[in-house]
Amino acid sequence: MPKLSIGSWAYCFGPYEKNPVDFYTVVDKLAQLGMDGVEFGAFPPHPNPDSLRTRESRLYLRRYVEDKGLAFSGLAANLWMHKLPTVEDSGPYIAEFAKNVLFAEDMGIDVIRVDTVEPPDCFEKTGVDPKLGRERVVKAWVKCARIAADHGIRVVWEFEPGFAFNKPSEIVEIVDEVRSHGAWNFGILFDTCHAHMVAAEGARQPGEKETLADGALGLLRLLRGRIGHIHLIDSDGTLHDDETSTHRPFGEGLLDFDAIIPELLTCGCPSDWWTIDLCFWPNAWEVTEQSIRFLDEYRKKYTPDF
């Protein structure tokens, strides 16, 4: 049966940047609402590998979460201070990733989210050949996956309009190429909102747009067997600040979850988490409970044991 979590970054990004909700307050609230877990966004001012440097401080937070009856569904590592496809040396990116692997292990987390960290027009702006950039990304992710595998941790790539390599064919080819090097703990983080913007709208795709007739559903089917983690939220077909997908609350967008949910349940994903992603939504705190109720109805409808 799917378990529900929510990304903690929703309460410290964007509209919450100047007045973030304290991480412990987030945990307390989610526990009160009957949530199963929380997805750890390791971004300041929330706890992160740099603010919790000792194992004792990390275990304290881990016990706090567990004592509230919650679990961590995953870790979103903060890698955005680095570049990847447009630089020769991926060492800083990989070192930052390795630091987050140790943090995840201490926190009892078994999956880490990554992305390509640079915008889709980075090759146009720098003059770097996109083919070379892709080779660099694959090489770095193979190394990251091997580091994570040594600690029993999986790695998932969250594609989206705001980062390089955001066309359906590129997404499939890159995950397959990383896996071809033996990195079988590497997969895709399938975010329903990003999937719609990538596959239905072709948002921020360089050159000729590449879309699929069935949009997010078509991309979901194309990625069958490659998905390692799931984020759920609606999409209204727009971008937030012309950069990334607008993560609109459930029921306010275009997505047909009665078509998407059954496919997700049979896509081969090894995780039983459904993570709500309200990133950049201005009143994420207020719509959290509504989001839980929405997905509870789908759990009841499509998972008989709920």
C-alpha atoms as a PDB file:
ATOM      1  CA  MET A   1       0.000   0.000   0.000  1.00  0.00           C
ATOM      2  CA  PRO A   2       1.390   3.464  -0.868  1.00  0.00           C
ATOM      3  CA  LYS A   3       2.628   5.600   2.010  1.00  0.00           C
ATOM      4  CA  LEU A   4       2.282   9.387   1.954  1.00  0.00           C
ATOM      5  CA  SER A   5       5.005  11.955   2.589  1.00  0.00           C
ATOM      6  CA  ILE A   6       5.572  15.557   1.591  1.00  0.00           C
ATOM      7  CA  GLY A   7       8.707  17.420   0.573  1.00  0.00           C
ATOM      8  CA  SER A   8       9.868  19.678   3.403  1.00  0.00           C
ATOM      9  CA  TRP A   9      11.334  22.175   0.891  1.00  0.00           C
ATOM     10  CA  ALA A  10       7.778  23.428   0.261  1.00  0.00           C
ATOM     11  CA  TYR A  11       7.978  25.246   3.599  1.00  0.00           C
ATOM     12  CA  CYS A  12      11.317  27.015   3.082  1.00  0.00           C
ATOM     13  CA  PHE A  13      11.486  27.772  -0.671  1.00  0.00           C
ATOM     14  CA  GLY A  14       9.992  30.624  -2.653  1.00  0.00           C
ATOM     15  CA  PRO A  15       7.212  32.377  -0.720  1.00  0.00           C
ATOM     16  CA  TYR A  16       8.525  30.829   2.514  1.00  0.00           C
ATOM     17  CA  GLU A  17      12.134  31.901   1.993  1.00  0.00           C
ATOM     18  CA  LYS A  18      11.822  34.994   4.203  1.00  0.00           C
ATOM     19  CA  ASN A  19       9.675  33.276   6.811  1.00  0.00           C
ATOM     20  CA  PRO A  20      10.368  29.521   6.656  1.00  0.00           C
ATOM     21  CA  VAL A  21       8.430  27.029   8.742  1.00  0.00           C
ATOM     22  CA  ASP A  22      10.779  25.416  11.242  1.00  0.00           C
ATOM     23  CA  PHE A  23      11.585  21.803  10.340  1.00  0.00           C
ATOM     24  CA  TYR A  24      10.497  20.491  13.734  1.00  0.00           C
ATOM     25  CA  THR A  25       7.194  22.350  13.345  1.00  0.00           C
ATOM     26  CA  VAL A  26       6.763  20.677   9.963  1.00  0.00           C
ATOM     27  CA  VAL A  27       7.339  17.261  11.524  1.00  0.00           C
ATOM     28  CA  ASP A  28       4.897  17.963  14.356  1.00  0.00           C
ATOM     29  CA  LYS A  29       2.205  19.136  11.941  1.00  0.00           C
ATOM     30  CA  LEU A  30       2.590  16.168   9.594  1.00  0.00           C
ATOM     31  CA  ALA A  31       2.339  13.789  12.533  1.00  0.00           C
ATOM     32  CA  GLN A  32      -0.876  15.496  13.675  1.00  0.00           C
ATOM     33  CA  LEU A  33      -2.322  15.136  10.176  1.00  0.00           C
ATOM     34  CA  GLY A  34      -1.609  11.397  10.120  1.00  0.00           C
ATOM     35  CA  MET A  35       1.066  11.555   7.433  1.00  0.00           C
ATOM     36  CA  ASP A  36       3.336   8.513   7.062  1.00  0.00           C
ATOM     37  CA  GLY A  37       6.536  10.426   6.507  1.00  0.00           C
ATOM     38  CA  VAL A  38       8.448  13.469   5.323  1.00  0.00           C
ATOM     39  CA  GLU A  39      10.825  13.844   2.391  1.00  0.00           C
ATOM     40  CA  PHE A  40      13.940  15.581   3.635  1.00  0.00           C
ATOM     41  CA  GLY A  41      14.953  18.688   1.727  1.00  0.00           C
ATOM     42  CA  ALA A  42      18.471  19.214   3.086  1.00  0.00           C
ATOM     43  CA  PHE A  43      18.529  22.927   2.278  1.00  0.00           C
ATOM     44  CA  PRO A  44      19.238  25.769   4.731  1.00  0.00           C
ATOM     45  CA  PRO A  45      17.641  26.924   6.948  1.00  0.00           C
ATOM     46  CA  HIS A  46      16.319  23.387   7.463  1.00  0.00           C
ATOM     47  CA  PRO A  47      18.743  20.787   8.852  1.00  0.00           C
ATOM     48  CA  ASN A  48      21.395  19.648   6.391  1.00  0.00           C
ATOM     49  CA  PRO A  49      24.812  17.929   6.330  1.00  0.00           C
ATOM     50  CA  ASP A  50      26.602  21.177   7.190  1.00  0.00           C
ATOM     51  CA  SER A  51      24.361  22.219  10.070  1.00  0.00           C
ATOM     52  CA  LEU A  52      24.274  18.693  11.554  1.00  0.00           C
ATOM     53  CA  ARG A  53      27.942  17.773  11.392  1.00  0.00           C
ATOM     54  CA  THR A  54      28.052  15.141  14.129  1.00  0.00           C
ATOM     55  CA  ARG A  55      26.434  11.741  14.023  1.00  0.00           C
ATOM     56  CA  GLU A  56      24.906  12.438  17.442  1.00  0.00           C
ATOM     57  CA  SER A  57      23.069  15.524  16.148  1.00  0.00           C
ATOM     58  CA  ARG A  58      21.809  13.572  13.170  1.00  0.00           C
ATOM     59  CA  LEU A  59      20.584  10.682  15.270  1.00  0.00           C
ATOM     60  CA  TYR A  60      18.770  13.131  17.546  1.00  0.00           C
ATOM     61  CA  LEU A  61      16.756  14.442  14.591  1.00  0.00           C
ATOM     62  CA  ARG A  62      16.191  10.947  13.254  1.00  0.00           C
ATOM     63  CA  ARG A  63      14.816   9.791  16.617  1.00  0.00           C
ATOM     64  CA  TYR A  64      12.625  12.898  16.845  1.00  0.00           C
ATOM     65  CA  VAL A  65      11.011  12.064  13.512  1.00  0.00           C
ATOM     66  CA  GLU A  66      10.625   8.379  14.377  1.00  0.00           C
ATOM     67  CA  ASP A  67       9.140   9.183  17.793  1.00  0.00           C
ATOM     68  CA  LYS A  68       6.447  11.168  15.987  1.00  0.00           C
ATOM     69  CA  GLY A  69       5.530   8.039  14.048  1.00  0.00           C
ATOM     70  CA  LEU A  70       7.044   9.301  10.805  1.00  0.00           C
ATOM     71  CA  ALA A  71       9.762   8.049   8.468  1.00  0.00           C
ATOM     72  CA  PHE A  72      11.968   9.711   5.863  1.00  0.00           C
ATOM     73  CA  SER A  73      10.831   8.870   2.324  1.00  0.00           C
ATOM     74  CA  GLY A  74      13.972  10.256   0.698  1.00  0.00           C
ATOM     75  CA  LEU A  75      16.601  12.991   0.620  1.00  0.00           C
ATOM     76  CA  ALA A  76      16.800  15.932  -1.758  1.00  0.00           C
ATOM     77  CA  ALA A  77      20.501  16.753  -1.716  1.00  0.00           C
ATOM     78  CA  ASN A  78      21.593  20.365  -2.093  1.00  0.00           C
ATOM     79  CA  LEU A  79      23.977  20.214  -5.064  1.00  0.00           C
ATOM     80  CA  TRP A  80      23.046  23.531  -6.636  1.00  0.00           C
ATOM     81  CA  MET A  81      26.214  25.375  -5.632  1.00  0.00           C
ATOM     82  CA  HIS A  82      28.043  23.346  -8.301  1.00  0.00           C
ATOM     83  CA  LYS A  83      27.980  22.944 -12.078  1.00  0.00           C
ATOM     84  CA  LEU A  84      28.037  19.659 -13.954  1.00  0.00           C
ATOM     85  CA  PRO A  85      27.471  19.476 -17.738  1.00  0.00           C
ATOM     86  CA  THR A  86      29.440  22.639 -18.613  1.00  0.00           C
ATOM     87  CA  VAL A  87      32.569  22.023 -16.520  1.00  0.00           C
ATOM     88  CA  GLU A  88      35.456  19.618 -17.012  1.00  0.00           C
ATOM     89  CA  ASP A  89      35.829  18.761 -13.326  1.00  0.00           C
ATOM     90  CA  SER A  90      32.817  17.046 -11.771  1.00  0.00           C
ATOM     91  CA  GLY A  91      34.779  16.430  -8.569  1.00  0.00           C
ATOM     92  CA  PRO A  92      33.062  19.144  -6.482  1.00  0.00           C
ATOM     93  CA  TYR A  93      29.620  17.869  -7.478  1.00  0.00           C
ATOM     94  CA  ILE A  94      30.547  14.274  -6.665  1.00  0.00           C
ATOM     95  CA  ALA A  95      32.159  15.259  -3.357  1.00  0.00           C
ATOM     96  CA  GLU A  96      29.012  17.155  -2.341  1.00  0.00           C
ATOM     97  CA  PHE A  97      26.939  14.149  -3.302  1.00  0.00           C
ATOM     98  CA  ALA A  98      29.171  11.821  -1.253  1.00  0.00           C
ATOM     99  CA  LYS A  99      28.727  14.091   1.779  1.00  0.00           C
ATOM    100  CA  ASN A 100      24.962  13.733   1.382  1.00  0.00           C
ATOM    101  CA  VAL A 101      25.254   9.949   1.120  1.00  0.00           C
ATOM    102  CA  LEU A 102      26.845   9.807   4.566  1.00  0.00           C
ATOM    103  CA  PHE A 103      24.165  12.165   5.871  1.00  0.00           C
ATOM    104  CA  ALA A 104      21.408   9.977   4.383  1.00  0.00           C
ATOM    105  CA  GLU A 105      22.926   6.854   5.904  1.00  0.00           C
ATOM    106  CA  ASP A 106      22.963   8.443   9.364  1.00  0.00           C
ATOM    107  CA  MET A 107      19.339   9.519   8.908  1.00  0.00           C
ATOM    108  CA  GLY A 108      18.225   6.063   7.754  1.00  0.00           C
ATOM    109  CA  ILE A 109      17.320   7.288   4.259  1.00  0.00           C
ATOM    110  CA  ASP A 110      17.668   4.889   1.324  1.00  0.00           C
ATOM    111  CA  VAL A 111      17.169   7.142  -1.734  1.00  0.00           C
ATOM    112  CA  ILE A 112      18.741  10.456  -2.844  1.00  0.00           C
ATOM    113  CA  ARG A 113      17.430  12.858  -5.478  1.00  0.00           C
ATOM    114  CA  VAL A 114      19.780  14.480  -8.023  1.00  0.00           C
ATOM    115  CA  ASP A 115      19.426  16.729 -11.062  1.00  0.00           C
ATOM    116  CA  THR A 116      21.679  18.231 -13.727  1.00  0.00           C
ATOM    117  CA  VAL A 117      21.931  21.529 -11.728  1.00  0.00           C
ATOM    118  CA  GLU A 118      22.267  23.777 -14.811  1.00  0.00           C
ATOM    119  CA  PRO A 119      19.490  25.329 -16.928  1.00  0.00           C
ATOM    120  CA  PRO A 120      18.531  23.950 -20.349  1.00  0.00           C
ATOM    121  CA  ASP A 121      20.157  26.885 -22.168  1.00  0.00           C
ATOM    122  CA  CYS A 122      23.529  26.333 -20.465  1.00  0.00           C
ATOM    123  CA  PHE A 123      25.099  24.942 -23.645  1.00  0.00           C
ATOM    124  CA  GLU A 124      23.936  27.857 -25.758  1.00  0.00           C
ATOM    125  CA  LYS A 125      25.322  30.317 -23.198  1.00  0.00           C
ATOM    126  CA  THR A 126      28.687  28.598 -22.643  1.00  0.00           C
ATOM    127  CA  GLY A 127      29.355  27.128 -26.069  1.00  0.00           C
ATOM    128  CA  VAL A 128      29.853  23.661 -24.590  1.00  0.00           C
ATOM    129  CA  ASP A 129      28.781  20.848 -26.913  1.00  0.00           C
ATOM    130  CA  PRO A 130      25.575  19.264 -25.491  1.00  0.00           C
ATOM    131  CA  LYS A 131      26.941  15.833 -26.401  1.00  0.00           C
ATOM    132  CA  LEU A 132      30.017  16.480 -24.236  1.00  0.00           C
ATOM    133  CA  GLY A 133      27.799  17.802 -21.452  1.00  0.00           C
ATOM    134  CA  ARG A 134      25.717  14.664 -21.557  1.00  0.00           C
ATOM    135  CA  GLU A 135      28.827  12.478 -21.369  1.00  0.00           C
ATOM    136  CA  ARG A 136      29.942  14.403 -18.283  1.00  0.00           C
ATOM    137  CA  VAL A 137      26.564  13.976 -16.592  1.00  0.00           C
ATOM    138  CA  VAL A 138      26.473  10.234 -17.252  1.00  0.00           C
ATOM    139  CA  LYS A 139      30.049   9.736 -16.062  1.00  0.00           C
ATOM    140  CA  ALA A 140      29.418  11.694 -12.851  1.00  0.00           C
ATOM    141  CA  TRP A 141      26.155   9.892 -12.096  1.00  0.00           C
ATOM    142  CA  VAL A 142      27.756   6.494 -12.587  1.00  0.00           C
ATOM    143  CA  LYS A 143      30.316   7.467  -9.939  1.00  0.00           C
ATOM    144  CA  CYS A 144      27.601   8.841  -7.660  1.00  0.00           C
ATOM    145  CA  ALA A 145      25.535   5.685  -8.018  1.00  0.00           C
ATOM    146  CA  ARG A 146      28.531   3.515  -7.119  1.00  0.00           C
ATOM    147  CA  ILE A 147      29.229   5.608  -4.020  1.00  0.00           C
ATOM    148  CA  ALA A 148      25.590   5.337  -2.976  1.00  0.00           C
ATOM    149  CA  ALA A 149      25.458   1.606  -3.666  1.00  0.00           C
ATOM    150  CA  ASP A 150      28.275   1.032  -1.189  1.00  0.00           C
ATOM    151  CA  HIS A 151      25.912   2.404   1.473  1.00  0.00           C
ATOM    152  CA  GLY A 152      22.773   0.618   0.302  1.00  0.00           C
ATOM    153  CA  ILE A 153      21.290   3.804  -1.148  1.00  0.00           C
ATOM    154  CA  ARG A 154      19.492   4.353  -4.450  1.00  0.00           C
ATOM    155  CA  VAL A 155      19.860   7.457  -6.657  1.00  0.00           C
ATOM    156  CA  VAL A 156      16.972   9.037  -8.593  1.00  0.00           C
ATOM    157  CA  TRP A 157      17.146  11.767 -11.223  1.00  0.00           C
ATOM    158  CA  GLU A 158      14.348  14.322 -11.154  1.00  0.00           C
ATOM    159  CA  PHE A 159      14.058  15.690 -14.690  1.00  0.00           C
ATOM    160  CA  GLU A 160      12.226  18.976 -15.141  1.00  0.00           C
ATOM    161  CA  PRO A 161      11.875  21.920 -17.544  1.00  0.00           C
ATOM    162  CA  GLY A 162      14.298  24.066 -15.548  1.00  0.00           C
ATOM    163  CA  PHE A 163      17.335  21.822 -15.945  1.00  0.00           C
ATOM    164  CA  ALA A 164      19.376  20.509 -18.875  1.00  0.00           C
ATOM    165  CA  PHE A 165      18.202  17.383 -20.718  1.00  0.00           C
ATOM    166  CA  ASN A 166      14.460  17.813 -20.490  1.00  0.00           C
ATOM    167  CA  LYS A 167      13.241  15.984 -23.595  1.00  0.00           C
ATOM    168  CA  PRO A 168      11.539  12.567 -23.259  1.00  0.00           C
ATOM    169  CA  SER A 169      14.088  10.770 -25.466  1.00  0.00           C
ATOM    170  CA  GLU A 170      16.994  12.283 -23.515  1.00  0.00           C
ATOM    171  CA  ILE A 171      15.488  11.195 -20.200  1.00  0.00           C
ATOM    172  CA  VAL A 172      15.109   7.596 -21.329  1.00  0.00           C
ATOM    173  CA  GLU A 173      18.502   7.425 -23.009  1.00  0.00           C
ATOM    174  CA  ILE A 174      20.445   8.946 -20.114  1.00  0.00           C
ATOM    175  CA  VAL A 175      18.973   6.674 -17.433  1.00  0.00           C
ATOM    176  CA  ASP A 176      19.613   3.667 -19.671  1.00  0.00           C
ATOM    177  CA  GLU A 177      23.193   4.769 -20.315  1.00  0.00           C
ATOM    178  CA  VAL A 178      23.936   5.214 -16.596  1.00  0.00           C
ATOM    179  CA  ARG A 179      22.498   1.777 -15.903  1.00  0.00           C
ATOM    180  CA  SER A 180      24.504   0.260 -18.755  1.00  0.00           C
ATOM    181  CA  HIS A 181      27.612   0.904 -16.648  1.00  0.00           C
ATOM    182  CA  GLY A 182      26.258  -1.366 -13.910  1.00  0.00           C
ATOM    183  CA  ALA A 183      24.570   1.379 -11.878  1.00  0.00           C
ATOM    184  CA  TRP A 184      21.342  -0.513 -11.298  1.00  0.00           C
ATOM    185  CA  ASN A 185      20.586   1.520  -8.173  1.00  0.00           C
ATOM    186  CA  PHE A 186      20.042   4.538 -10.466  1.00  0.00           C
ATOM    187  CA  GLY A 187      16.578   5.443 -11.705  1.00  0.00           C
ATOM    188  CA  ILE A 188      14.081   8.190 -12.422  1.00  0.00           C
ATOM    189  CA  LEU A 189      12.188  10.339  -9.953  1.00  0.00           C
ATOM    190  CA  PHE A 190       8.834  10.688 -11.705  1.00  0.00           C
ATOM    191  CA  ASP A 191       7.142  13.967 -10.767  1.00  0.00           C
ATOM    192  CA  THR A 192       3.682  14.117 -12.373  1.00  0.00           C
ATOM    193  CA  CYS A 193       3.811  17.902 -12.779  1.00  0.00           C
ATOM    194  CA  HIS A 194       7.257  17.939 -14.392  1.00  0.00           C
ATOM    195  CA  ALA A 195       6.228  15.018 -16.593  1.00  0.00           C
ATOM    196  CA  HIS A 196       3.302  17.022 -17.960  1.00  0.00           C
ATOM    197  CA  MET A 197       5.430  20.091 -18.610  1.00  0.00           C
ATOM    198  CA  VAL A 198       8.148  18.061 -20.316  1.00  0.00           C
ATOM    199  CA  ALA A 199       6.024  15.613 -22.307  1.00  0.00           C
ATOM    200  CA  ALA A 200       2.854  17.618 -23.037  1.00  0.00           C
ATOM    201  CA  GLU A 201       4.124  21.211 -23.167  1.00  0.00           C
ATOM    202  CA  GLY A 202       7.769  20.782 -24.174  1.00  0.00           C
ATOM    203  CA  ALA A 203       8.539  23.614 -21.770  1.00  0.00           C
ATOM    204  CA  ARG A 204      12.013  25.198 -22.017  1.00  0.00           C
ATOM    205  CA  GLN A 205      13.271  22.569 -24.438  1.00  0.00           C
ATOM    206  CA  PRO A 206      16.156  23.860 -26.569  1.00  0.00           C
ATOM    207  CA  GLY A 207      15.657  23.713 -30.319  1.00  0.00           C
ATOM    208  CA  GLU A 208      12.756  21.719 -31.699  1.00  0.00           C
ATOM    209  CA  LYS A 209      10.191  20.721 -29.092  1.00  0.00           C
ATOM    210  CA  GLU A 210       9.721  17.038 -28.357  1.00  0.00           C
ATOM    211  CA  THR A 211       6.372  16.050 -26.866  1.00  0.00           C
ATOM    212  CA  LEU A 212       4.282  12.898 -26.545  1.00  0.00           C
ATOM    213  CA  ALA A 213       0.675  12.424 -27.623  1.00  0.00           C
ATOM    214  CA  ASP A 214      -0.383  11.226 -24.160  1.00  0.00           C
ATOM    215  CA  GLY A 215       1.740  13.741 -22.263  1.00  0.00           C
ATOM    216  CA  ALA A 216       2.645  12.709 -18.712  1.00  0.00           C
ATOM    217  CA  LEU A 217       0.878   9.370 -19.101  1.00  0.00           C
ATOM    218  CA  GLY A 218       2.828   8.613 -22.260  1.00  0.00           C
ATOM    219  CA  LEU A 219       6.124   9.454 -20.559  1.00  0.00           C
ATOM    220  CA  LEU A 220       5.170   7.322 -17.578  1.00  0.00           C
ATOM    221  CA  ARG A 221       4.615   4.356 -19.874  1.00  0.00           C
ATOM    222  CA  LEU A 222       7.861   5.069 -21.711  1.00  0.00           C
ATOM    223  CA  LEU A 223       9.755   5.025 -18.392  1.00  0.00           C
ATOM    224  CA  ARG A 224       8.233   1.771 -17.140  1.00  0.00           C
ATOM    225  CA  GLY A 225      10.859  -0.244 -15.265  1.00  0.00           C
ATOM    226  CA  ARG A 226      13.092   2.802 -14.853  1.00  0.00           C
ATOM    227  CA  ILE A 227      11.211   4.714 -12.140  1.00  0.00           C
ATOM    228  CA  GLY A 228      12.732   4.663  -8.660  1.00  0.00           C
ATOM    229  CA  HIS A 229      10.664   7.252  -6.785  1.00  0.00           C
ATOM    230  CA  ILE A 230       7.399   9.181  -7.200  1.00  0.00           C
ATOM    231  CA  HIS A 231       6.315  12.781  -6.608  1.00  0.00           C
ATOM    232  CA  LEU A 232       2.652  13.673  -7.020  1.00  0.00           C
ATOM    233  CA  ILE A 233       1.085  17.078  -7.668  1.00  0.00           C
ATOM    234  CA  ASP A 234      -1.116  18.716 -10.306  1.00  0.00           C
ATOM    235  CA  SER A 235      -0.077  20.930 -13.233  1.00  0.00           C
ATOM    236  CA  ASP A 236      -1.902  23.778 -14.949  1.00  0.00           C
ATOM    237  CA  GLY A 237       0.517  23.800 -17.879  1.00  0.00           C
ATOM    238  CA  THR A 238       2.434  26.881 -16.742  1.00  0.00           C
ATOM    239  CA  LEU A 239       5.902  27.640 -15.419  1.00  0.00           C
ATOM    240  CA  HIS A 240       6.732  29.215 -12.081  1.00  0.00           C
ATOM    241  CA  ASP A 241       8.712  32.420 -12.738  1.00  0.00           C
ATOM    242  CA  ASP A 242       9.407  31.112 -16.274  1.00  0.00           C
ATOM    243  CA  GLU A 243      11.834  28.597 -14.779  1.00  0.00           C
ATOM    244  CA  THR A 244      10.314  25.403 -13.387  1.00  0.00           C
ATOM    245  CA  SER A 245       6.913  23.720 -13.374  1.00  0.00           C
ATOM    246  CA  THR A 246       4.083  25.319 -11.415  1.00  0.00           C
ATOM    247  CA  HIS A 247       3.219  22.736  -8.759  1.00  0.00           C
ATOM    248  CA  ARG A 248      -0.483  23.450  -8.503  1.00  0.00           C
ATOM    249  CA  PRO A 249      -2.558  21.804  -5.737  1.00  0.00           C
ATOM    250  CA  PHE A 250      -4.510  18.667  -6.597  1.00  0.00           C
ATOM    251  CA  GLY A 251      -7.769  19.240  -8.449  1.00  0.00           C
ATOM    252  CA  GLU A 252      -6.745  22.700  -9.717  1.00  0.00           C
ATOM    253  CA  GLY A 253      -4.866  21.520 -12.787  1.00  0.00           C
ATOM    254  CA  LEU A 254      -5.047  19.415 -15.916  1.00  0.00           C
ATOM    255  CA  LEU A 255      -3.816  16.005 -14.806  1.00  0.00           C
ATOM    256  CA  ASP A 256      -6.051  12.933 -14.920  1.00  0.00           C
ATOM    257  CA  PHE A 257      -5.011  11.037 -11.807  1.00  0.00           C
ATOM    258  CA  ASP A 258      -7.541   8.287 -12.523  1.00  0.00           C
ATOM    259  CA  ALA A 259      -5.375   7.445 -15.522  1.00  0.00           C
ATOM    260  CA  ILE A 260      -2.009   8.166 -13.914  1.00  0.00           C
ATOM    261  CA  ILE A 261      -2.377   6.389 -10.536  1.00  0.00           C
ATOM    262  CA  PRO A 262      -3.088   2.877 -11.933  1.00  0.00           C
ATOM    263  CA  GLU A 263      -0.050   3.215 -14.205  1.00  0.00           C
ATOM    264  CA  LEU A 264       2.124   4.320 -11.300  1.00  0.00           C
ATOM    265  CA  LEU A 265       1.030   1.309  -9.278  1.00  0.00           C
ATOM    266  CA  THR A 266       2.229  -1.023 -12.038  1.00  0.00           C
ATOM    267  CA  CYS A 267       5.306   0.872 -13.313  1.00  0.00           C
ATOM    268  CA  GLY A 268       7.785  -1.279 -11.380  1.00  0.00           C
ATOM    269  CA  CYS A 269       8.844   1.389  -8.904  1.00  0.00           C
ATOM    270  CA  PRO A 270      10.656  -0.243  -5.949  1.00  0.00           C
ATOM    271  CA  SER A 271       9.460   2.479  -3.545  1.00  0.00           C
ATOM    272  CA  ASP A 272       6.046   2.436  -1.879  1.00  0.00           C
ATOM    273  CA  TRP A 273       6.143   6.179  -1.165  1.00  0.00           C
ATOM    274  CA  TRP A 274       3.929   8.804  -2.777  1.00  0.00           C
ATOM    275  CA  THR A 275       5.535  12.164  -2.048  1.00  0.00           C
ATOM    276  CA  ILE A 276       3.448  15.329  -2.329  1.00  0.00           C
ATOM    277  CA  ASP A 277       5.432  18.184  -3.867  1.00  0.00           C
ATOM    278  CA  LEU A 278       4.101  21.698  -3.203  1.00  0.00           C
ATOM    279  CA  CYS A 279       7.369  23.402  -4.129  1.00  0.00           C
ATOM    280  CA  PHE A 280       6.998  27.186  -4.537  1.00  0.00           C
ATOM    281  CA  TRP A 281       3.251  27.120  -3.846  1.00  0.00           C
ATOM    282  CA  PRO A 282       2.416  30.316  -1.896  1.00  0.00           C
ATOM    283  CA  ASN A 283       0.149  28.703   0.712  1.00  0.00           C
ATOM    284  CA  ALA A 284       1.635  25.222   0.855  1.00  0.00           C
ATOM    285  CA  TRP A 285       1.184  25.096   4.627  1.00  0.00           C
ATOM    286  CA  GLU A 286      -2.552  25.694   4.304  1.00  0.00           C
ATOM    287  CA  VAL A 287      -3.186  23.149   1.512  1.00  0.00           C
ATOM    288  CA  THR A 288      -1.157  20.307   3.015  1.00  0.00           C
ATOM    289  CA  GLU A 289      -4.158  18.707   4.724  1.00  0.00           C
ATOM    290  CA  GLN A 290      -6.248  19.049   1.564  1.00  0.00           C
ATOM    291  CA  SER A 291      -3.489  17.294  -0.419  1.00  0.00           C
ATOM    292  CA  ILE A 292      -3.475  14.381   2.015  1.00  0.00           C
ATOM    293  CA  ARG A 293      -7.248  13.988   1.740  1.00  0.00           C
ATOM    294  CA  PHE A 294      -7.039  14.028  -2.048  1.00  0.00           C
ATOM    295  CA  LEU A 295      -4.503  11.209  -2.203  1.00  0.00           C
ATOM    296  CA  ASP A 296      -6.275   9.240   0.516  1.00  0.00           C
ATOM    297  CA  GLU A 297      -9.237   8.944  -1.850  1.00  0.00           C
ATOM    298  CA  TYR A 298      -6.966   7.470  -4.509  1.00  0.00           C
ATOM    299  CA  ARG A 299      -5.405   5.084  -2.020  1.00  0.00           C
ATOM    300  CA  LYS A 300      -8.886   3.881  -1.107  1.00  0.00           C
ATOM    301  CA  LYS A 301      -9.909   3.607  -4.738  1.00  0.00           C
ATOM    302  CA  TYR A 302      -6.888   1.795  -6.149  1.00  0.00           C
ATOM    303  CA  THR A 303      -5.325  -0.055  -3.212  1.00  0.00           C
ATOM    304  CA  PRO A 304      -7.951  -2.364  -1.701  1.00  0.00           C
ATOM    305  CA  ASP A 305      -5.922  -3.002   1.454  1.00  0.00           C
ATOM    306  CA  PHE A 306      -6.003   0.669   2.450  1.00  0.00           C
END
